[in-house]
Amino acid sequence: KYFQTNIKPEELEKWFGDDITVDEKN
């Protein structure tokens, strides 16, 4: 069995906004 998604990166940004945050210190 398989599951298929068709989520565009720009849609993810609209849906989740600040729900994924990355703080990177070089």
PDB file of all heavy atoms in Angstrom:
ATOM      1  N   LYS A   1       0.848  -1.190   0.000  1.00  0.00           N
ATOM      2  CA  LYS A   1       0.000   0.000   0.000  1.00  0.00           C
ATOM      3  C   LYS A   1       0.882   1.237   0.000  1.00  0.00           C
ATOM      4  O   LYS A   1       2.038   1.191   0.426  1.00  0.00           O
ATOM      5  CB  LYS A   1      -0.906   0.022   1.226  1.00  0.00           C
ATOM      6  CG  LYS A   1      -1.930  -1.086   1.222  1.00  0.00           C
ATOM      7  CD  LYS A   1      -2.840  -0.989   2.411  1.00  0.00           C
ATOM      8  CE  LYS A   1      -3.856  -2.129   2.369  1.00  0.00           C
ATOM      9  NZ  LYS A   1      -4.766  -2.084   3.504  1.00  0.00           N
ATOM     10  N   TYR A   2       0.306   2.349  -0.483  1.00  0.00           N
ATOM     11  CA  TYR A   2       1.055   3.592  -0.466  1.00  0.00           C
ATOM     12  C   TYR A   2       0.118   4.759  -0.168  1.00  0.00           C
ATOM     13  O   TYR A   2      -1.097   4.648  -0.276  1.00  0.00           O
ATOM     14  CB  TYR A   2       1.794   3.824  -1.786  1.00  0.00           C
ATOM     15  CG  TYR A   2       0.901   4.206  -2.947  1.00  0.00           C
ATOM     16  CD1 TYR A   2       0.704   5.544  -3.285  1.00  0.00           C
ATOM     17  CD2 TYR A   2       0.256   3.234  -3.705  1.00  0.00           C
ATOM     18  CE1 TYR A   2      -0.120   5.892  -4.338  1.00  0.00           C
ATOM     19  CE2 TYR A   2      -0.560   3.573  -4.762  1.00  0.00           C
ATOM     20  CZ  TYR A   2      -0.744   4.909  -5.075  1.00  0.00           C
ATOM     21  OH  TYR A   2      -1.552   5.255  -6.110  1.00  0.00           O
ATOM     22  N   PHE A   3       0.719   5.869   0.227  1.00  0.00           N
ATOM     23  CA  PHE A   3       0.011   7.111   0.476  1.00  0.00           C
ATOM     24  C   PHE A   3       0.733   8.190  -0.312  1.00  0.00           C
ATOM     25  O   PHE A   3       1.958   8.234  -0.324  1.00  0.00           O
ATOM     26  CB  PHE A   3       0.035   7.424   1.978  1.00  0.00           C
ATOM     27  CG  PHE A   3      -0.557   8.756   2.324  1.00  0.00           C
ATOM     28  CD1 PHE A   3      -1.930   8.954   2.300  1.00  0.00           C
ATOM     29  CD2 PHE A   3       0.258   9.815   2.683  1.00  0.00           C
ATOM     30  CE1 PHE A   3      -2.474  10.183   2.621  1.00  0.00           C
ATOM     31  CE2 PHE A   3      -0.279  11.051   3.006  1.00  0.00           C
ATOM     32  CZ  PHE A   3      -1.652  11.235   2.980  1.00  0.00           C
ATOM     33  N   GLN A   4      -0.027   9.039  -0.978  1.00  0.00           N
ATOM     34  CA  GLN A   4       0.566  10.087  -1.810  1.00  0.00           C
ATOM     35  C   GLN A   4       0.148  11.454  -1.296  1.00  0.00           C
ATOM     36  O   GLN A   4      -1.021  11.662  -0.959  1.00  0.00           O
ATOM     37  CB  GLN A   4       0.098   9.921  -3.253  1.00  0.00           C
ATOM     38  CG  GLN A   4       0.568  11.016  -4.173  1.00  0.00           C
ATOM     39  CD  GLN A   4       0.014  10.861  -5.586  1.00  0.00           C
ATOM     40  OE1 GLN A   4      -0.274   9.754  -6.025  1.00  0.00           O
ATOM     41  NE2 GLN A   4      -0.131  11.959  -6.286  1.00  0.00           N
ATOM     42  N   THR A   5       1.096  12.386  -1.230  1.00  0.00           N
ATOM     43  CA  THR A   5       0.769  13.771  -0.882  1.00  0.00           C
ATOM     44  C   THR A   5       1.265  14.675  -1.998  1.00  0.00           C
ATOM     45  O   THR A   5       2.245  14.371  -2.668  1.00  0.00           O
ATOM     46  CB  THR A   5       1.423  14.220   0.440  1.00  0.00           C
ATOM     47  OG1 THR A   5       2.844  14.187   0.299  1.00  0.00           O
ATOM     48  CG2 THR A   5       1.004  13.352   1.599  1.00  0.00           C
ATOM     49  N   ASN A   6       0.560  15.759  -2.185  1.00  0.00           N
ATOM     50  CA  ASN A   6       0.938  16.768  -3.174  1.00  0.00           C
ATOM     51  C   ASN A   6       0.968  18.128  -2.480  1.00  0.00           C
ATOM     52  O   ASN A   6       0.119  18.968  -2.719  1.00  0.00           O
ATOM     53  CB  ASN A   6      -0.056  16.794  -4.338  1.00  0.00           C
ATOM     54  CG  ASN A   6      -0.053  15.498  -5.096  1.00  0.00           C
ATOM     55  OD1 ASN A   6      -0.647  14.511  -4.659  1.00  0.00           O
ATOM     56  ND2 ASN A   6       0.615  15.473  -6.218  1.00  0.00           N
ATOM     57  N   ILE A   7       1.925  18.313  -1.614  1.00  0.00           N
ATOM     58  CA  ILE A   7       2.022  19.548  -0.856  1.00  0.00           C
ATOM     59  C   ILE A   7       3.171  20.376  -1.403  1.00  0.00           C
ATOM     60  O   ILE A   7       4.317  19.935  -1.424  1.00  0.00           O
ATOM     61  CB  ILE A   7       2.243  19.264   0.639  1.00  0.00           C
ATOM     62  CG1 ILE A   7       1.101  18.406   1.183  1.00  0.00           C
ATOM     63  CG2 ILE A   7       2.363  20.568   1.415  1.00  0.00           C
ATOM     64  CD1 ILE A   7       1.298  17.947   2.606  1.00  0.00           C
ATOM     65  N   LYS A   8       2.853  21.581  -1.846  1.00  0.00           N
ATOM     66  CA  LYS A   8       3.878  22.484  -2.354  1.00  0.00           C
ATOM     67  C   LYS A   8       4.528  23.218  -1.178  1.00  0.00           C
ATOM     68  O   LYS A   8       3.849  23.526  -0.195  1.00  0.00           O
ATOM     69  CB  LYS A   8       3.263  23.491  -3.321  1.00  0.00           C
ATOM     70  CG  LYS A   8       2.696  22.844  -4.560  1.00  0.00           C
ATOM     71  CD  LYS A   8       2.056  23.862  -5.464  1.00  0.00           C
ATOM     72  CE  LYS A   8       1.468  23.147  -6.681  1.00  0.00           C
ATOM     73  NZ  LYS A   8       0.684  24.037  -7.507  1.00  0.00           N
ATOM     74  N   PRO A   9       5.829  23.502  -1.266  1.00  0.00           N
ATOM     75  CA  PRO A   9       6.515  24.187  -0.165  1.00  0.00           C
ATOM     76  C   PRO A   9       5.834  25.491   0.248  1.00  0.00           C
ATOM     77  O   PRO A   9       5.722  25.785   1.434  1.00  0.00           O
ATOM     78  CB  PRO A   9       7.913  24.450  -0.725  1.00  0.00           C
ATOM     79  CG  PRO A   9       8.111  23.378  -1.738  1.00  0.00           C
ATOM     80  CD  PRO A   9       6.747  23.136  -2.327  1.00  0.00           C
ATOM     81  N   GLU A  10       5.332  26.267  -0.703  1.00  0.00           N
ATOM     82  CA  GLU A  10       4.679  27.530  -0.359  1.00  0.00           C
ATOM     83  C   GLU A  10       3.372  27.307   0.402  1.00  0.00           C
ATOM     84  O   GLU A  10       2.978  28.122   1.236  1.00  0.00           O
ATOM     85  CB  GLU A  10       4.466  28.423  -1.592  1.00  0.00           C
ATOM     86  CG  GLU A  10       3.687  27.792  -2.720  1.00  0.00           C
ATOM     87  CD  GLU A  10       4.529  27.022  -3.736  1.00  0.00           C
ATOM     88  OE1 GLU A  10       5.708  26.728  -3.466  1.00  0.00           O
ATOM     89  OE2 GLU A  10       3.994  26.687  -4.799  1.00  0.00           O
ATOM     90  N   GLU A  11       2.693  26.173   0.141  1.00  0.00           N
ATOM     91  CA  GLU A  11       1.484  25.850   0.894  1.00  0.00           C
ATOM     92  C   GLU A  11       1.830  25.514   2.338  1.00  0.00           C
ATOM     93  O   GLU A  11       1.111  25.870   3.261  1.00  0.00           O
ATOM     94  CB  GLU A  11       0.741  24.683   0.238  1.00  0.00           C
ATOM     95  CG  GLU A  11       0.084  25.037  -1.075  1.00  0.00           C
ATOM     96  CD  GLU A  11      -0.503  23.834  -1.792  1.00  0.00           C
ATOM     97  OE1 GLU A  11      -0.298  22.686  -1.355  1.00  0.00           O
ATOM     98  OE2 GLU A  11      -1.187  24.049  -2.799  1.00  0.00           O
ATOM     99  N   LEU A  12       2.940  24.794   2.535  1.00  0.00           N
ATOM    100  CA  LEU A  12       3.369  24.476   3.888  1.00  0.00           C
ATOM    101  C   LEU A  12       3.615  25.740   4.693  1.00  0.00           C
ATOM    102  O   LEU A  12       3.233  25.828   5.859  1.00  0.00           O
ATOM    103  CB  LEU A  12       4.667  23.646   3.855  1.00  0.00           C
ATOM    104  CG  LEU A  12       4.533  22.172   3.570  1.00  0.00           C
ATOM    105  CD1 LEU A  12       5.895  21.530   3.499  1.00  0.00           C
ATOM    106  CD2 LEU A  12       3.684  21.496   4.609  1.00  0.00           C
ATOM    107  N   GLU A  13       4.267  26.703   4.078  1.00  0.00           N
ATOM    108  CA  GLU A  13       4.553  27.955   4.774  1.00  0.00           C
ATOM    109  C   GLU A  13       3.262  28.654   5.192  1.00  0.00           C
ATOM    110  O   GLU A  13       3.171  29.180   6.286  1.00  0.00           O
ATOM    111  CB  GLU A  13       5.402  28.866   3.892  1.00  0.00           C
ATOM    112  CG  GLU A  13       6.812  28.349   3.701  1.00  0.00           C
ATOM    113  CD  GLU A  13       7.608  29.154   2.677  1.00  0.00           C
ATOM    114  OE1 GLU A  13       7.195  30.283   2.336  1.00  0.00           O
ATOM    115  OE2 GLU A  13       8.636  28.645   2.230  1.00  0.00           O
ATOM    116  N   LYS A  14       2.231  28.644   4.326  1.00  0.00           N
ATOM    117  CA  LYS A  14       0.949  29.264   4.656  1.00  0.00           C
ATOM    118  C   LYS A  14       0.260  28.515   5.799  1.00  0.00           C
ATOM    119  O   LYS A  14      -0.285  29.111   6.706  1.00  0.00           O
ATOM    120  CB  LYS A  14       0.027  29.289   3.439  1.00  0.00           C
ATOM    121  CG  LYS A  14       0.326  30.402   2.463  1.00  0.00           C
ATOM    122  CD  LYS A  14      -0.806  30.594   1.470  1.00  0.00           C
ATOM    123  CE  LYS A  14      -0.889  29.408   0.538  1.00  0.00           C
ATOM    124  NZ  LYS A  14      -1.811  29.568  -0.575  1.00  0.00           N
ATOM    125  N   TRP A  15       0.277  27.171   5.744  1.00  0.00           N
ATOM    126  CA  TRP A  15      -0.428  26.366   6.732  1.00  0.00           C
ATOM    127  C   TRP A  15       0.218  26.428   8.106  1.00  0.00           C
ATOM    128  O   TRP A  15      -0.446  26.498   9.110  1.00  0.00           O
ATOM    129  CB  TRP A  15      -0.497  24.909   6.305  1.00  0.00           C
ATOM    130  CG  TRP A  15      -1.330  24.634   5.100  1.00  0.00           C
ATOM    131  CD1 TRP A  15      -2.216  25.474   4.480  1.00  0.00           C
ATOM    132  CD2 TRP A  15      -1.351  23.432   4.345  1.00  0.00           C
ATOM    133  NE1 TRP A  15      -2.774  24.870   3.398  1.00  0.00           N
ATOM    134  CE2 TRP A  15      -2.267  23.605   3.282  1.00  0.00           C
ATOM    135  CE3 TRP A  15      -0.694  22.223   4.453  1.00  0.00           C
ATOM    136  CZ2 TRP A  15      -2.533  22.619   2.357  1.00  0.00           C
ATOM    137  CZ3 TRP A  15      -0.957  21.232   3.538  1.00  0.00           C
ATOM    138  CH2 TRP A  15      -1.873  21.435   2.497  1.00  0.00           C
ATOM    139  N   PHE A  16       1.549  26.322   8.119  1.00  0.00           N
ATOM    140  CA  PHE A  16       2.235  26.142   9.391  1.00  0.00           C
ATOM    141  C   PHE A  16       3.008  27.357   9.882  1.00  0.00           C
ATOM    142  O   PHE A  16       3.366  27.417  11.043  1.00  0.00           O
ATOM    143  CB  PHE A  16       3.159  24.915   9.330  1.00  0.00           C
ATOM    144  CG  PHE A  16       2.378  23.663   9.136  1.00  0.00           C
ATOM    145  CD1 PHE A  16       2.281  23.087   7.887  1.00  0.00           C
ATOM    146  CD2 PHE A  16       1.693  23.089  10.181  1.00  0.00           C
ATOM    147  CE1 PHE A  16       1.528  21.943   7.688  1.00  0.00           C
ATOM    148  CE2 PHE A  16       0.937  21.954   9.989  1.00  0.00           C
ATOM    149  CZ  PHE A  16       0.854  21.368   8.744  1.00  0.00           C
ATOM    150  N   GLY A  17       3.271  28.308   9.004  1.00  0.00           N
ATOM    151  CA  GLY A  17       3.917  29.549   9.408  1.00  0.00           C
ATOM    152  C   GLY A  17       5.039  29.355  10.404  1.00  0.00           C
ATOM    153  O   GLY A  17       6.071  28.790  10.095  1.00  0.00           O
ATOM    154  N   ASP A  18       4.815  29.819  11.636  1.00  0.00           N
ATOM    155  CA  ASP A  18       5.837  29.765  12.679  1.00  0.00           C
ATOM    156  C   ASP A  18       5.827  28.446  13.457  1.00  0.00           C
ATOM    157  O   ASP A  18       6.472  28.351  14.505  1.00  0.00           O
ATOM    158  CB  ASP A  18       5.647  30.930  13.650  1.00  0.00           C
ATOM    159  CG  ASP A  18       5.864  32.268  12.965  1.00  0.00           C
ATOM    160  OD1 ASP A  18       6.637  32.306  11.985  1.00  0.00           O
ATOM    161  OD2 ASP A  18       5.265  33.268  13.404  1.00  0.00           O
ATOM    162  N   ASP A  19       5.085  27.442  12.998  1.00  0.00           N
ATOM    163  CA  ASP A  19       5.008  26.182  13.732  1.00  0.00           C
ATOM    164  C   ASP A  19       6.283  25.361  13.636  1.00  0.00           C
ATOM    165  O   ASP A  19       6.471  24.409  14.386  1.00  0.00           O
ATOM    166  CB  ASP A  19       3.808  25.344  13.263  1.00  0.00           C
ATOM    167  CG  ASP A  19       2.484  25.968  13.693  1.00  0.00           C
ATOM    168  OD1 ASP A  19       2.513  26.880  14.546  1.00  0.00           O
ATOM    169  OD2 ASP A  19       1.442  25.559  13.171  1.00  0.00           O
ATOM    170  N   ILE A  20       7.146  25.680  12.676  1.00  0.00           N
ATOM    171  CA  ILE A  20       8.455  25.038  12.574  1.00  0.00           C
ATOM    172  C   ILE A  20       9.481  26.160  12.612  1.00  0.00           C
ATOM    173  O   ILE A  20       9.531  26.989  11.707  1.00  0.00           O
ATOM    174  CB  ILE A  20       8.611  24.229  11.278  1.00  0.00           C
ATOM    175  CG1 ILE A  20       7.546  23.131  11.205  1.00  0.00           C
ATOM    176  CG2 ILE A  20      10.008  23.624  11.195  1.00  0.00           C
ATOM    177  CD1 ILE A  20       7.517  22.386   9.890  1.00  0.00           C
ATOM    178  N   THR A  21      10.259  26.202  13.677  1.00  0.00           N
ATOM    179  CA  THR A  21      11.278  27.247  13.785  1.00  0.00           C
ATOM    180  C   THR A  21      12.641  26.609  13.958  1.00  0.00           C
ATOM    181  O   THR A  21      12.788  25.600  14.645  1.00  0.00           O
ATOM    182  CB  THR A  21      11.004  28.189  14.977  1.00  0.00           C
ATOM    183  OG1 THR A  21      10.911  27.420  16.171  1.00  0.00           O
ATOM    184  CG2 THR A  21       9.727  28.983  14.779  1.00  0.00           C
ATOM    185  N   VAL A  22      13.624  27.192  13.306  1.00  0.00           N
ATOM    186  CA  VAL A  22      15.004  26.701  13.398  1.00  0.00           C
ATOM    187  C   VAL A  22      15.884  27.867  13.803  1.00  0.00           C
ATOM    188  O   VAL A  22      15.904  28.896  13.144  1.00  0.00           O
ATOM    189  CB  VAL A  22      15.480  26.118  12.045  1.00  0.00           C
ATOM    190  CG1 VAL A  22      16.927  25.651  12.151  1.00  0.00           C
ATOM    191  CG2 VAL A  22      14.585  24.980  11.604  1.00  0.00           C
ATOM    192  N   ASP A  23      16.581  27.681  14.910  1.00  0.00           N
ATOM    193  CA  ASP A  23      17.534  28.678  15.372  1.00  0.00           C
ATOM    194  C   ASP A  23      18.917  28.073  15.179  1.00  0.00           C
ATOM    195  O   ASP A  23      19.250  27.067  15.802  1.00  0.00           O
ATOM    196  CB  ASP A  23      17.288  29.008  16.850  1.00  0.00           C
ATOM    197  CG  ASP A  23      18.285  30.009  17.398  1.00  0.00           C
ATOM    198  OD1 ASP A  23      18.808  30.831  16.610  1.00  0.00           O
ATOM    199  OD2 ASP A  23      18.545  29.977  18.620  1.00  0.00           O
ATOM    200  N   GLU A  24      19.671  28.657  14.284  1.00  0.00           N
ATOM    201  CA  GLU A  24      20.978  28.094  13.922  1.00  0.00           C
ATOM    202  C   GLU A  24      22.082  29.057  14.324  1.00  0.00           C
ATOM    203  O   GLU A  24      22.051  30.232  13.989  1.00  0.00           O
ATOM    204  CB  GLU A  24      21.002  27.877  12.408  1.00  0.00           C
ATOM    205  CG  GLU A  24      22.202  27.146  11.917  1.00  0.00           C
ATOM    206  CD  GLU A  24      22.095  26.866  10.434  1.00  0.00           C
ATOM    207  OE1 GLU A  24      21.199  26.089  10.035  1.00  0.00           O
ATOM    208  OE2 GLU A  24      22.890  27.438   9.694  1.00  0.00           O
ATOM    209  N   LYS A  25      23.032  28.547  15.077  1.00  0.00           N
ATOM    210  CA  LYS A  25      24.175  29.351  15.482  1.00  0.00           C
ATOM    211  C   LYS A  25      25.420  28.744  14.842  1.00  0.00           C
ATOM    212  O   LYS A  25      25.808  27.629  15.161  1.00  0.00           O
ATOM    213  CB  LYS A  25      24.306  29.368  16.995  1.00  0.00           C
ATOM    214  CG  LYS A  25      23.153  30.072  17.689  1.00  0.00           C
ATOM    215  CD  LYS A  25      23.302  30.004  19.195  1.00  0.00           C
ATOM    216  CE  LYS A  25      22.217  30.753  19.908  1.00  0.00           C
ATOM    217  NZ  LYS A  25      20.895  30.244  19.736  1.00  0.00           N
ATOM    218  N   ASN A  26      26.005  29.460  13.908  1.00  0.00           N
ATOM    219  CA  ASN A  26      27.205  28.961  13.241  1.00  0.00           C
ATOM    220  C   ASN A  26      28.411  29.080  14.167  1.00  0.00           C
ATOM    221  O   ASN A  26      28.519  30.020  14.936  1.00  0.00           O
ATOM    222  CB  ASN A  26      27.487  29.750  11.956  1.00  0.00           C
ATOM    223  CG  ASN A  26      26.471  29.450  10.884  1.00  0.00           C
ATOM    224  OD1 ASN A  26      25.980  28.338  10.795  1.00  0.00           O
ATOM    225  ND2 ASN A  26      26.151  30.430  10.076  1.00  0.00           N
TER     226      ASN A  26
END
